[in-house]
Amino acid sequence: MKDVCSFPLKEFHRFMLPPEERGLYDLLLGLLRSGGGECTYHGRVDSDVLGRVYQAIYDDAPETYRLDRTQLFSCVSSPLGGWKFSPKYELNATMDTILNNHASRIIQAAKDNCRTDLEKELYVHDWFADNVEYTFEGYASEESEYGVYGAIVEHKAVCMGISKAVSMILNRLGVDCGTYSDHDDKHMWNIVRLDGECYHLDVTWDMRDSHGHTVYDFFNLNDMEMSRYHHVFKGAPASGSRYNWYRMNGLEAREFSDMVRILGEAVQRKDKTAVFRNLAVPADKTLETVSSILKDSRRVRSYSCSNNPETGRVEVTIGYRSDGIREIPHDQPHIQVAQPPVDVHSLPNHIIECLGKFP
């Protein structure tokens, strides 16, 4: 199913405005991007209109990082009629040069290492997830942490700064990307278009876990998947499925046999860690199901397992036998032997052989 929205995602919030208010949005954003001092608007203006237009500009435009985020523009009545607007700057203009220099290095590295839009998106996702420290909303010590400067230059930002920086970099790389806000939940993430379909991308929630690993639980979700965590608008349906990280890497377990295949291939490669998304068994059965798959493997010396019930992410750490001694840990009650949900002998031979389960 192709995405039905035809407007550029970098202006997503503009197109959520009533049509009669988009002219003011265009005028003010044009003023900001041109570096102009003031402009005059002759349309209808009241506090509700200004609130909606300011919020849309603030959500869409990375350039707002230097403005007073409580009131982006000053607005006074003009003696000649209409309303006179001028940007309310709080941060120094020299920051633009510093920001663009840092952004250019990220962009050039992405161009050097990536060919497709998907590769660029993955590169940008990993750069921000690996290099930026997330600051909880309300705990930011610097105003810059609410915008792109904090994320790109200072490597510290709230979700809004991270999302707007991701959008800025991807658009400069030619990837159609915008920001997506759930103001009720006070959270912002991104929406990206790949091959004509839209996906949700939340780099903030994919930042390193307690083990220091970057995760991909929120890399290219569709509306149904994202709506489990946040309110999703109907204005730009994210119907994409193909480029979900788990799905495109064959790491989405919808059946028990998928879990066996994923773990079997990991054992065959002697991976120390196997990560996948579990959609096959209830969350409270994940650990015993993993145990039922690995407990008889002749190649596995030890294993431990953790899972995230909310996202379905499962991480299995595996130790391998090198001296013929098997040491399955007995001090972890959640890894007690359990009966497999299906007869493992009925699985394809190549999967059984990967695990080395049977003589």
Foldseek 3Di string as FASTA:
>chain_A
DFWDDDDFQLQVLLVVDDPVLSVVLVVVVVCLVVVHFKDFDADDDDPVSQVSSLVSCLQRDLSQLQADSVHQWDWDADPVHGIMIGGHGDDDPVLVVVQVVLLVVLLVVLVVPDDFLLSSLVSLLCCQLQQADEDEPPRDPDSSQQHCSCCRPVRYHHQSRSANVSCVSSVVNVWRKGKDDQVVVPHIFMWTDDPRAIFTARSPVQHADPVRDRHQLRPGHFPVLCVLPGDDDPPTGHPDDCVRPQNVVLQEDQALLSVLQQVLQCLLVVPQKGKGAYNHDQPLCVQQQNLQNQVQQQFFQEKDKDADNSSRIIMMGTDTDDPSHHHYDPVDVSNDHDHHPDDPVPDDPVSCVSRNRDD
